[in-house]
């Protein structure tokens, strides 16, 4: 006999400087199942490249700063791919099939020259956010997942429209998951769960 089809699940991630909250979700808005949640580390474990790589490179020569940023990007992508691969295997052991990864991202902006980033604290901070968000998207693709960028500014509205529920009802359902899964279940986990739900609901 053929094995029954596996239930679909998706990964959602919300990045910070050097790490991310990862949540694996199955089901839909009416019946959510939090399969797993982790804090995943994306920065250099040896500490040779600082996690706040743009901020910590502002006093360097441009070529040296560029090389350091490139190294940080590679490390973050590799670590994201490894963490996502582990989440896929964990879900598979539970009889689930993960095909997509939703990543919460900031506002998209035009590319900024590195020398301009290094001259501005605000631009350096924003660039670090993009670095780890893009590492998650690239790591998802490297792990065989379809990466889906979900804008932070519109995530609740987008989720409500996609799932056919009101903002109030969706926030209640997402918040109520804390009683089932316990702490931590703060904004990071909620946004990661929303990104996973949107990834699940996205058209094939």
N, C-alpha and C. Protein backbone atom coordinates (compact mmCIF):
# COMPACT_ATOMS: atom_id res chain seq x y z
N UNK A 1 0.84 -1.20 0.00
CA UNK A 1 0.00 0.00 0.00
C UNK A 1 0.87 1.25 0.00
N UNK A 2 0.38 2.29 -0.67
CA UNK A 2 1.09 3.55 -0.67
C UNK A 2 0.92 4.24 0.68
N UNK A 3 2.00 4.91 1.11
CA UNK A 3 1.92 5.65 2.37
C UNK A 3 0.98 6.83 2.20
N UNK A 4 0.22 7.18 3.24
CA UNK A 4 -0.68 8.33 3.15
C UNK A 4 0.13 9.61 2.96
N UNK A 5 -0.43 10.62 2.27
CA UNK A 5 0.31 11.87 2.08
C UNK A 5 0.60 12.54 3.42
N UNK A 6 1.78 13.11 3.50
CA UNK A 6 2.15 13.77 4.74
C UNK A 6 1.48 15.15 4.85
N UNK A 7 1.18 15.52 6.07
CA UNK A 7 0.57 16.82 6.33
C UNK A 7 1.59 17.92 6.08
N UNK A 8 1.14 19.02 5.48
CA UNK A 8 2.05 20.11 5.16
C UNK A 8 2.31 20.99 6.38
N UNK A 9 3.52 21.48 6.46
CA UNK A 9 3.91 22.44 7.49
C UNK A 9 4.80 23.49 6.82
N UNK A 10 5.08 24.56 7.52
CA UNK A 10 5.96 25.61 7.00
C UNK A 10 6.77 26.19 8.14
N UNK A 11 7.91 26.76 7.78
CA UNK A 11 8.78 27.42 8.74
C UNK A 11 8.58 28.93 8.63
N UNK A 12 8.61 29.60 9.77
CA UNK A 12 8.60 31.06 9.79
C UNK A 12 9.77 31.56 10.62
N UNK A 13 10.38 32.67 10.19
CA UNK A 13 11.55 33.21 10.90
C UNK A 13 11.43 34.72 11.06
N UNK A 14 11.89 35.19 12.21
CA UNK A 14 12.00 36.63 12.45
C UNK A 14 13.44 36.88 12.93
N UNK A 15 14.20 37.63 12.15
CA UNK A 15 15.63 37.82 12.42
C UNK A 15 15.90 39.00 13.33
N UNK A 16 16.99 38.87 14.07
CA UNK A 16 17.61 39.96 14.81
C UNK A 16 19.09 39.98 14.42
N UNK A 17 19.86 40.85 15.04
CA UNK A 17 21.28 40.93 14.71
C UNK A 17 22.00 39.69 15.25
N UNK A 18 22.29 38.77 14.34
CA UNK A 18 23.06 37.58 14.70
C UNK A 18 22.25 36.36 15.09
N UNK A 19 20.92 36.49 15.17
CA UNK A 19 20.12 35.32 15.54
C UNK A 19 18.70 35.50 14.99
N UNK A 20 17.90 34.46 15.12
CA UNK A 20 16.52 34.54 14.65
C UNK A 20 15.64 33.62 15.47
N UNK A 21 14.37 33.99 15.56
CA UNK A 21 13.35 33.11 16.12
C UNK A 21 12.79 32.28 14.97
N UNK A 22 12.70 30.99 15.17
CA UNK A 22 12.21 30.06 14.15
C UNK A 22 11.02 29.30 14.72
N UNK A 23 9.93 29.24 13.96
CA UNK A 23 8.72 28.53 14.38
C UNK A 23 8.25 27.67 13.21
N UNK A 24 7.91 26.43 13.49
CA UNK A 24 7.33 25.54 12.48
C UNK A 24 5.85 25.37 12.81
N UNK A 25 5.01 25.66 11.81
CA UNK A 25 3.56 25.65 11.97
C UNK A 25 2.92 24.66 11.00
N UNK A 26 1.94 23.93 11.48
CA UNK A 26 1.08 23.12 10.62
C UNK A 26 -0.35 23.54 10.89
N UNK A 27 -1.27 23.21 9.97
CA UNK A 27 -2.67 23.55 10.14
C UNK A 27 -3.04 24.84 9.44
N UNK A 28 -4.03 25.53 9.98
CA UNK A 28 -4.49 26.79 9.40
C UNK A 28 -4.90 27.72 10.54
N UNK A 29 -5.50 28.87 10.18
CA UNK A 29 -5.84 29.86 11.21
C UNK A 29 -6.80 29.31 12.25
N UNK A 30 -7.65 28.37 11.85
CA UNK A 30 -8.65 27.83 12.78
C UNK A 30 -8.05 26.77 13.70
N UNK A 31 -7.06 26.02 13.20
CA UNK A 31 -6.49 24.91 13.98
C UNK A 31 -4.98 24.93 13.82
N UNK A 32 -4.33 25.80 14.59
CA UNK A 32 -2.89 25.95 14.50
C UNK A 32 -2.18 24.90 15.35
N UNK A 33 -1.10 24.38 14.80
CA UNK A 33 -0.28 23.42 15.53
C UNK A 33 1.16 23.90 15.48
N UNK A 34 1.69 24.31 16.63
CA UNK A 34 3.09 24.73 16.70
C UNK A 34 3.93 23.47 16.83
N UNK A 35 4.61 23.12 15.77
CA UNK A 35 5.38 21.87 15.72
C UNK A 35 6.71 22.02 16.44
N UNK A 36 7.35 23.18 16.27
CA UNK A 36 8.66 23.41 16.89
C UNK A 36 8.92 24.90 16.94
N UNK A 37 9.77 25.31 17.84
CA UNK A 37 10.24 26.70 17.89
C UNK A 37 11.62 26.69 18.49
N UNK A 38 12.48 27.52 17.90
CA UNK A 38 13.88 27.55 18.32
C UNK A 38 14.40 28.97 18.20
N UNK A 39 15.45 29.24 18.94
CA UNK A 39 16.31 30.40 18.68
C UNK A 39 17.49 29.84 17.91
N UNK A 40 17.74 30.38 16.73
CA UNK A 40 18.86 29.89 15.93
C UNK A 40 19.93 30.98 15.85
N UNK A 41 21.16 30.59 15.98
CA UNK A 41 22.28 31.52 15.95
C UNK A 41 22.82 31.62 14.52
N UNK A 42 23.01 32.85 14.05
CA UNK A 42 23.43 33.07 12.67
C UNK A 42 24.82 33.70 12.57
N UNK A 43 25.35 34.20 13.67
CA UNK A 43 26.64 34.89 13.64
C UNK A 43 27.78 33.88 13.77
N UNK A 44 28.99 34.38 13.56
CA UNK A 44 30.20 33.56 13.64
C UNK A 44 30.33 32.97 15.05
N UNK A 45 30.27 31.64 15.19
CA UNK A 45 30.35 31.06 16.54
C UNK A 45 31.71 31.27 17.20
N UNK A 46 32.75 31.48 16.38
CA UNK A 46 34.09 31.70 16.93
C UNK A 46 34.30 33.14 17.33
N UNK A 47 33.43 34.03 16.92
CA UNK A 47 33.56 35.44 17.28
C UNK A 47 34.56 36.21 16.46
N UNK A 48 35.12 35.58 15.45
CA UNK A 48 36.10 36.27 14.63
C UNK A 48 35.49 37.40 13.80
N UNK A 49 34.24 37.21 13.41
CA UNK A 49 33.50 38.25 12.69
C UNK A 49 32.37 38.71 13.61
N UNK A 50 32.32 39.98 13.96
CA UNK A 50 31.29 40.44 14.90
C UNK A 50 29.90 40.33 14.29
N UNK A 51 28.92 40.06 15.17
CA UNK A 51 27.54 39.94 14.69
C UNK A 51 27.03 41.27 14.15
N UNK A 52 27.38 42.37 14.80
CA UNK A 52 27.04 43.70 14.30
C UNK A 52 28.14 44.15 13.35
N UNK A 53 28.23 43.44 12.23
CA UNK A 53 29.42 43.54 11.38
C UNK A 53 29.56 44.92 10.74
N UNK A 54 28.47 45.55 10.37
CA UNK A 54 28.58 46.88 9.77
C UNK A 54 29.00 47.92 10.80
N UNK A 55 28.37 47.87 11.97
CA UNK A 55 28.72 48.83 13.02
C UNK A 55 30.19 48.68 13.43
N UNK A 56 30.63 47.44 13.56
CA UNK A 56 31.98 47.18 14.04
C UNK A 56 33.04 47.33 12.95
N UNK A 57 32.60 47.63 11.73
CA UNK A 57 33.55 47.80 10.62
C UNK A 57 33.65 49.25 10.18
N UNK A 58 33.03 50.15 10.89
CA UNK A 58 32.95 51.54 10.43
C UNK A 58 34.30 52.24 10.45
N UNK A 59 35.26 51.77 11.24
CA UNK A 59 36.57 52.41 11.27
C UNK A 59 37.60 51.75 10.36
N UNK A 60 37.18 50.74 9.61
CA UNK A 60 38.11 50.01 8.76
C UNK A 60 38.20 50.63 7.36
N UNK A 61 39.26 50.25 6.65
CA UNK A 61 39.35 50.60 5.24
C UNK A 61 38.22 49.91 4.49
N UNK A 62 37.78 50.51 3.39
CA UNK A 62 36.62 50.01 2.66
C UNK A 62 36.80 48.56 2.21
N UNK A 63 37.95 48.22 1.69
CA UNK A 63 38.18 46.85 1.21
C UNK A 63 38.13 45.85 2.35
N UNK A 64 38.71 46.21 3.48
CA UNK A 64 38.70 45.32 4.64
C UNK A 64 37.29 45.15 5.18
N UNK A 65 36.53 46.24 5.23
CA UNK A 65 35.14 46.17 5.68
C UNK A 65 34.31 45.30 4.74
N UNK A 66 34.52 45.46 3.44
CA UNK A 66 33.76 44.67 2.46
C UNK A 66 34.05 43.19 2.62
N UNK A 67 35.32 42.84 2.84
CA UNK A 67 35.68 41.43 3.02
C UNK A 67 35.04 40.87 4.28
N UNK A 68 35.01 41.66 5.32
CA UNK A 68 34.41 41.20 6.58
C UNK A 68 32.90 41.00 6.43
N UNK A 69 32.23 41.91 5.73
CA UNK A 69 30.79 41.78 5.50
C UNK A 69 30.50 40.53 4.67
N UNK A 70 31.30 40.30 3.63
CA UNK A 70 31.11 39.11 2.79
C UNK A 70 31.25 37.84 3.60
N UNK A 71 32.24 37.82 4.49
CA UNK A 71 32.43 36.65 5.35
C UNK A 71 31.22 36.46 6.27
N UNK A 72 30.73 37.55 6.85
CA UNK A 72 29.56 37.47 7.73
C UNK A 72 28.35 36.95 6.98
N UNK A 73 28.16 37.40 5.74
CA UNK A 73 27.04 36.92 4.93
C UNK A 73 27.13 35.42 4.69
N UNK A 74 28.33 34.95 4.37
CA UNK A 74 28.51 33.52 4.12
C UNK A 74 28.25 32.68 5.35
N UNK A 75 28.77 33.13 6.49
CA UNK A 75 28.56 32.39 7.74
C UNK A 75 27.07 32.35 8.09
N UNK A 76 26.41 33.49 7.99
CA UNK A 76 24.99 33.56 8.35
C UNK A 76 24.15 32.67 7.44
N UNK A 77 24.45 32.65 6.16
CA UNK A 77 23.68 31.81 5.23
C UNK A 77 23.91 30.33 5.52
N UNK A 78 25.15 29.97 5.78
CA UNK A 78 25.46 28.57 6.10
C UNK A 78 24.76 28.13 7.38
N UNK A 79 24.77 28.97 8.39
CA UNK A 79 24.14 28.61 9.66
C UNK A 79 22.62 28.58 9.53
N UNK A 80 22.07 29.47 8.72
CA UNK A 80 20.63 29.45 8.47
C UNK A 80 20.23 28.16 7.77
N UNK A 81 21.00 27.78 6.75
CA UNK A 81 20.70 26.56 6.01
C UNK A 81 20.77 25.34 6.93
N UNK A 82 21.77 25.30 7.81
CA UNK A 82 21.91 24.17 8.72
C UNK A 82 20.73 24.10 9.69
N UNK A 83 20.33 25.25 10.24
CA UNK A 83 19.22 25.27 11.19
C UNK A 83 17.90 24.90 10.51
N UNK A 84 17.71 25.40 9.31
CA UNK A 84 16.48 25.08 8.58
C UNK A 84 16.46 23.61 8.17
N UNK A 85 17.62 23.08 7.78
CA UNK A 85 17.68 21.66 7.46
C UNK A 85 17.31 20.80 8.65
N UNK A 86 17.77 21.20 9.83
CA UNK A 86 17.44 20.47 11.05
C UNK A 86 15.94 20.54 11.33
N UNK A 87 15.34 21.73 11.11
CA UNK A 87 13.90 21.88 11.33
C UNK A 87 13.10 21.03 10.35
N UNK A 88 13.56 20.94 9.11
CA UNK A 88 12.89 20.10 8.10
C UNK A 88 12.93 18.64 8.53
N UNK A 89 14.09 18.19 9.00
CA UNK A 89 14.22 16.78 9.43
C UNK A 89 13.36 16.51 10.65
N UNK A 90 13.32 17.44 11.60
CA UNK A 90 12.50 17.27 12.79
C UNK A 90 11.03 17.17 12.42
N UNK A 91 10.59 18.02 11.49
CA UNK A 91 9.20 17.96 11.05
C UNK A 91 8.93 16.65 10.31
N UNK A 92 9.89 16.21 9.51
CA UNK A 92 9.73 14.95 8.80
C UNK A 92 9.59 13.78 9.73
N UNK A 93 10.34 13.80 10.83
CA UNK A 93 10.23 12.73 11.83
C UNK A 93 8.84 12.70 12.46
N UNK A 94 8.15 13.85 12.44
CA UNK A 94 6.79 13.93 12.98
C UNK A 94 5.73 13.68 11.91
N UNK A 95 6.18 13.25 10.74
CA UNK A 95 5.24 12.95 9.66
C UNK A 95 4.78 14.15 8.86
N UNK A 96 5.54 15.24 8.93
CA UNK A 96 5.16 16.47 8.25
C UNK A 96 6.09 16.74 7.06
N UNK A 97 5.58 17.46 6.09
CA UNK A 97 6.35 17.85 4.91
C UNK A 97 6.46 19.37 4.88
N UNK A 98 7.68 19.86 4.93
CA UNK A 98 7.93 21.31 4.89
C UNK A 98 8.44 21.68 3.51
N UNK A 99 7.76 22.63 2.88
CA UNK A 99 8.15 23.06 1.54
C UNK A 99 8.51 24.53 1.45
N UNK A 100 8.06 25.32 2.42
CA UNK A 100 8.24 26.77 2.33
C UNK A 100 8.75 27.36 3.63
N UNK A 101 9.38 28.51 3.49
CA UNK A 101 9.88 29.25 4.66
C UNK A 101 9.52 30.72 4.49
N UNK A 102 8.73 31.25 5.42
CA UNK A 102 8.41 32.67 5.43
C UNK A 102 9.37 33.42 6.32
N UNK A 103 9.90 34.52 5.83
CA UNK A 103 10.86 35.33 6.59
C UNK A 103 10.32 36.75 6.71
N UNK A 104 10.22 37.23 7.93
CA UNK A 104 9.77 38.60 8.17
C UNK A 104 10.90 39.56 7.77
N UNK A 105 10.57 40.52 6.91
CA UNK A 105 11.59 41.45 6.43
C UNK A 105 11.13 42.89 6.66
N UNK A 106 12.10 43.80 6.65
CA UNK A 106 11.79 45.21 6.75
C UNK A 106 11.40 45.77 5.40
N UNK A 107 11.28 47.08 5.36
CA UNK A 107 10.93 47.73 4.09
C UNK A 107 12.05 47.55 3.09
N UNK A 108 11.68 47.20 1.86
CA UNK A 108 12.67 47.07 0.81
C UNK A 108 13.13 48.46 0.39
N UNK A 109 14.43 48.57 0.17
CA UNK A 109 14.98 49.87 -0.24
C UNK A 109 16.05 49.64 -1.30
N UNK A 110 16.37 50.70 -1.99
CA UNK A 110 17.40 50.60 -3.02
C UNK A 110 18.75 50.30 -2.37
N UNK A 111 19.61 49.65 -3.15
CA UNK A 111 20.94 49.31 -2.65
C UNK A 111 21.69 50.59 -2.28
N UNK A 112 22.38 50.54 -1.14
CA UNK A 112 23.15 51.67 -0.65
C UNK A 112 24.63 51.31 -0.71
N UNK A 113 25.48 52.18 -1.25
CA UNK A 113 26.91 51.87 -1.30
C UNK A 113 27.47 51.60 0.10
N UNK A 114 28.43 50.69 0.16
CA UNK A 114 29.00 50.32 1.45
C UNK A 114 29.60 51.53 2.16
N UNK A 115 30.27 52.39 1.43
CA UNK A 115 30.89 53.54 2.09
C UNK A 115 29.85 54.44 2.74
N UNK A 116 28.65 54.53 2.14
CA UNK A 116 27.57 55.32 2.75
C UNK A 116 27.05 54.63 4.01
N UNK A 117 26.93 53.31 3.96
CA UNK A 117 26.48 52.54 5.13
C UNK A 117 27.45 52.74 6.29
N UNK A 118 28.74 52.65 6.00
CA UNK A 118 29.74 52.76 7.06
C UNK A 118 29.82 54.16 7.65
N UNK A 119 29.29 55.14 6.94
CA UNK A 119 29.34 56.52 7.42
C UNK A 119 28.13 56.88 8.29
N UNK A 120 27.18 55.96 8.43
CA UNK A 120 25.93 56.27 9.13
C UNK A 120 25.56 55.16 10.10
N UNK A 121 25.35 55.52 11.36
CA UNK A 121 24.92 54.54 12.36
C UNK A 121 23.57 53.94 11.96
N UNK A 122 22.64 54.77 11.52
CA UNK A 122 21.31 54.28 11.16
C UNK A 122 21.36 53.34 9.96
N UNK A 123 22.14 53.70 8.95
CA UNK A 123 22.25 52.85 7.77
C UNK A 123 22.96 51.54 8.10
N UNK A 124 23.94 51.59 8.98
CA UNK A 124 24.64 50.37 9.39
C UNK A 124 23.69 49.43 10.12
N UNK A 125 22.87 49.98 11.00
CA UNK A 125 21.90 49.17 11.73
C UNK A 125 20.91 48.52 10.77
N UNK A 126 20.41 49.30 9.82
CA UNK A 126 19.45 48.76 8.85
C UNK A 126 20.10 47.69 7.98
N UNK A 127 21.36 47.89 7.61
CA UNK A 127 22.05 46.92 6.77
C UNK A 127 22.25 45.60 7.50
N UNK A 128 22.49 45.66 8.81
CA UNK A 128 22.61 44.42 9.57
C UNK A 128 21.30 43.66 9.60
N UNK A 129 20.19 44.39 9.72
CA UNK A 129 18.90 43.71 9.66
C UNK A 129 18.71 42.99 8.35
N UNK A 130 19.04 43.67 7.25
CA UNK A 130 18.89 43.06 5.93
C UNK A 130 19.82 41.86 5.76
N UNK A 131 21.03 41.96 6.30
CA UNK A 131 21.99 40.86 6.15
C UNK A 131 21.42 39.55 6.70
N UNK A 132 20.87 39.59 7.90
CA UNK A 132 20.38 38.35 8.52
C UNK A 132 19.04 37.91 7.92
N UNK A 133 18.23 38.86 7.48
CA UNK A 133 16.99 38.48 6.79
C UNK A 133 17.32 37.78 5.47
N UNK A 134 18.26 38.35 4.72
CA UNK A 134 18.63 37.75 3.44
C UNK A 134 19.33 36.41 3.64
N UNK A 135 20.08 36.27 4.72
CA UNK A 135 20.72 34.99 5.01
C UNK A 135 19.68 33.90 5.23
N UNK A 136 18.58 34.25 5.90
CA UNK A 136 17.51 33.28 6.10
C UNK A 136 16.83 32.91 4.78
N UNK A 137 16.60 33.90 3.93
CA UNK A 137 15.99 33.61 2.63
C UNK A 137 16.92 32.75 1.77
N UNK A 138 18.21 33.08 1.76
CA UNK A 138 19.17 32.30 0.98
C UNK A 138 19.36 30.91 1.59
N UNK A 139 19.37 30.85 2.93
CA UNK A 139 19.51 29.56 3.60
C UNK A 139 18.33 28.66 3.34
N UNK A 140 17.13 29.25 3.26
CA UNK A 140 15.94 28.47 2.94
C UNK A 140 16.06 27.85 1.56
N UNK A 141 16.48 28.66 0.61
CA UNK A 141 16.62 28.15 -0.76
C UNK A 141 17.68 27.05 -0.82
N UNK A 142 18.78 27.24 -0.09
CA UNK A 142 19.83 26.23 -0.07
C UNK A 142 19.36 24.93 0.57
N UNK A 143 18.35 25.02 1.43
CA UNK A 143 17.80 23.84 2.10
C UNK A 143 16.69 23.17 1.30
N UNK A 144 16.41 23.71 0.12
CA UNK A 144 15.37 23.13 -0.72
C UNK A 144 13.98 23.67 -0.46
N UNK A 145 13.88 24.76 0.32
CA UNK A 145 12.58 25.37 0.60
C UNK A 145 12.32 26.53 -0.33
N UNK A 146 11.05 26.83 -0.55
CA UNK A 146 10.68 28.04 -1.27
C UNK A 146 10.67 29.20 -0.27
N UNK A 147 11.57 30.18 -0.45
CA UNK A 147 11.61 31.31 0.48
C UNK A 147 10.56 32.35 0.14
N UNK A 148 9.88 32.86 1.15
CA UNK A 148 8.84 33.87 0.96
C UNK A 148 9.13 35.03 1.92
N UNK A 149 9.39 36.21 1.36
CA UNK A 149 9.62 37.40 2.18
C UNK A 149 8.28 38.01 2.56
N UNK A 150 8.10 38.29 3.84
CA UNK A 150 6.84 38.85 4.35
C UNK A 150 7.15 40.18 5.02
N UNK A 151 6.57 41.25 4.52
CA UNK A 151 6.86 42.58 5.04
C UNK A 151 6.33 42.75 6.46
N UNK A 152 7.20 43.17 7.37
CA UNK A 152 6.79 43.37 8.76
C UNK A 152 5.66 44.39 8.87
N UNK A 153 5.73 45.45 8.08
CA UNK A 153 4.77 46.54 8.22
C UNK A 153 3.33 46.11 7.91
N UNK A 154 3.17 45.11 7.06
CA UNK A 154 1.82 44.72 6.63
C UNK A 154 1.48 43.28 6.97
N UNK A 155 2.27 42.65 7.85
CA UNK A 155 2.12 41.20 8.05
C UNK A 155 0.74 40.83 8.61
N UNK A 156 0.22 41.62 9.56
CA UNK A 156 -1.08 41.27 10.13
C UNK A 156 -2.19 41.43 9.10
N UNK A 157 -2.16 42.55 8.36
CA UNK A 157 -3.19 42.77 7.33
C UNK A 157 -3.11 41.70 6.25
N UNK A 158 -1.90 41.37 5.84
CA UNK A 158 -1.74 40.36 4.79
C UNK A 158 -2.24 39.01 5.27
N UNK A 159 -1.92 38.67 6.52
CA UNK A 159 -2.36 37.38 7.05
C UNK A 159 -3.88 37.33 7.17
N UNK A 160 -4.48 38.41 7.62
CA UNK A 160 -5.94 38.44 7.76
C UNK A 160 -6.62 38.28 6.41
N UNK A 161 -6.10 38.98 5.40
CA UNK A 161 -6.69 38.88 4.06
C UNK A 161 -6.52 37.47 3.51
N UNK A 162 -5.33 36.90 3.69
CA UNK A 162 -5.05 35.57 3.15
C UNK A 162 -5.88 34.49 3.84
N UNK A 163 -6.06 34.63 5.15
CA UNK A 163 -6.73 33.58 5.93
C UNK A 163 -8.21 33.83 6.13
N UNK A 164 -8.69 35.02 5.77
CA UNK A 164 -10.11 35.29 5.86
C UNK A 164 -10.63 35.49 7.27
N UNK A 165 -9.82 36.11 8.14
CA UNK A 165 -10.26 36.40 9.51
C UNK A 165 -9.94 37.85 9.82
N UNK A 166 -10.57 38.37 10.87
CA UNK A 166 -10.31 39.75 11.28
C UNK A 166 -8.98 39.83 12.04
N UNK A 167 -8.44 41.06 12.11
CA UNK A 167 -7.20 41.27 12.86
C UNK A 167 -7.39 40.87 14.31
N UNK A 168 -8.51 41.27 14.89
CA UNK A 168 -8.75 40.96 16.31
C UNK A 168 -8.80 39.46 16.54
N UNK A 169 -9.50 38.75 15.67
CA UNK A 169 -9.63 37.30 15.83
C UNK A 169 -8.29 36.61 15.63
N UNK A 170 -7.51 37.04 14.63
CA UNK A 170 -6.22 36.40 14.39
C UNK A 170 -5.26 36.67 15.54
N UNK A 171 -5.25 37.88 16.06
CA UNK A 171 -4.37 38.19 17.19
C UNK A 171 -4.76 37.36 18.42
N UNK A 172 -6.07 37.16 18.60
CA UNK A 172 -6.51 36.33 19.73
C UNK A 172 -6.02 34.89 19.56
N UNK A 173 -6.18 34.35 18.36
CA UNK A 173 -5.78 32.96 18.13
C UNK A 173 -4.27 32.78 18.27
N UNK A 174 -3.51 33.72 17.73
CA UNK A 174 -2.05 33.64 17.84
C UNK A 174 -1.62 33.79 19.30
N UNK A 175 -2.24 34.74 20.00
CA UNK A 175 -1.91 34.95 21.41
C UNK A 175 -2.26 33.76 22.28
N UNK A 176 -3.39 33.11 21.97
CA UNK A 176 -3.84 31.97 22.77
C UNK A 176 -2.88 30.78 22.68
N UNK A 177 -2.04 30.75 21.67
CA UNK A 177 -1.11 29.62 21.55
C UNK A 177 -0.14 29.56 22.74
N UNK A 178 0.06 30.69 23.42
CA UNK A 178 0.96 30.69 24.57
C UNK A 178 0.50 29.71 25.63
N UNK A 179 -0.83 29.55 25.78
CA UNK A 179 -1.35 28.62 26.79
C UNK A 179 -1.01 27.18 26.42
N UNK A 180 -0.88 26.91 25.13
CA UNK A 180 -0.57 25.55 24.68
C UNK A 180 0.93 25.26 24.69
N UNK A 181 1.73 26.23 24.25
CA UNK A 181 3.16 25.96 24.05
C UNK A 181 4.03 26.55 25.15
N UNK A 182 3.49 27.49 25.95
CA UNK A 182 4.28 28.10 27.00
C UNK A 182 5.24 29.14 26.47
N UNK A 183 6.05 29.68 27.37
CA UNK A 183 7.05 30.68 26.99
C UNK A 183 8.27 29.99 26.37
N UNK A 184 9.01 30.69 25.50
CA UNK A 184 8.72 32.06 25.04
C UNK A 184 7.67 32.08 23.94
N UNK A 185 6.74 33.00 24.04
CA UNK A 185 5.75 33.23 22.99
C UNK A 185 5.46 34.73 22.95
N UNK A 186 6.51 35.48 22.55
CA UNK A 186 6.43 36.93 22.49
C UNK A 186 6.31 37.36 21.03
N UNK A 187 6.59 38.62 20.76
CA UNK A 187 6.39 39.16 19.41
C UNK A 187 7.18 38.38 18.36
N UNK A 188 8.43 38.01 18.68
CA UNK A 188 9.24 37.29 17.71
C UNK A 188 8.58 36.00 17.27
N UNK A 189 8.11 35.22 18.23
CA UNK A 189 7.48 33.94 17.90
C UNK A 189 6.15 34.15 17.17
N UNK A 190 5.40 35.17 17.58
CA UNK A 190 4.11 35.43 16.91
C UNK A 190 4.33 35.84 15.45
N UNK A 191 5.31 36.71 15.21
CA UNK A 191 5.57 37.13 13.83
C UNK A 191 6.11 35.98 12.99
N UNK A 192 6.97 35.16 13.59
CA UNK A 192 7.47 33.99 12.87
C UNK A 192 6.34 33.04 12.53
N UNK A 193 5.40 32.86 13.46
CA UNK A 193 4.25 31.99 13.21
C UNK A 193 3.38 32.55 12.09
N UNK A 194 3.18 33.86 12.07
CA UNK A 194 2.41 34.49 11.00
C UNK A 194 3.09 34.28 9.65
N UNK A 195 4.42 34.46 9.62
CA UNK A 195 5.15 34.24 8.37
C UNK A 195 5.01 32.81 7.90
N UNK A 196 5.04 31.86 8.83
CA UNK A 196 4.85 30.45 8.47
C UNK A 196 3.44 30.21 7.93
N UNK A 197 2.43 30.81 8.57
CA UNK A 197 1.06 30.66 8.10
C UNK A 197 0.88 31.22 6.70
N UNK A 198 1.50 32.38 6.43
CA UNK A 198 1.41 32.95 5.09
C UNK A 198 2.13 32.07 4.07
N UNK A 199 3.23 31.48 4.49
CA UNK A 199 3.94 30.56 3.59
C UNK A 199 3.07 29.34 3.28
N UNK A 200 2.38 28.84 4.30
CA UNK A 200 1.49 27.69 4.08
C UNK A 200 0.34 28.05 3.14
N UNK A 201 -0.17 29.27 3.28
CA UNK A 201 -1.35 29.67 2.52
C UNK A 201 -1.02 30.16 1.12
N UNK A 202 0.25 30.39 0.84
CA UNK A 202 0.64 30.93 -0.48
C UNK A 202 0.26 29.96 -1.59
N UNK A 203 -0.16 30.49 -2.74
CA UNK A 203 -0.52 29.60 -3.85
C UNK A 203 0.69 28.83 -4.35
N UNK A 204 0.46 27.64 -4.86
CA UNK A 204 1.54 26.79 -5.34
C UNK A 204 2.22 27.46 -6.53
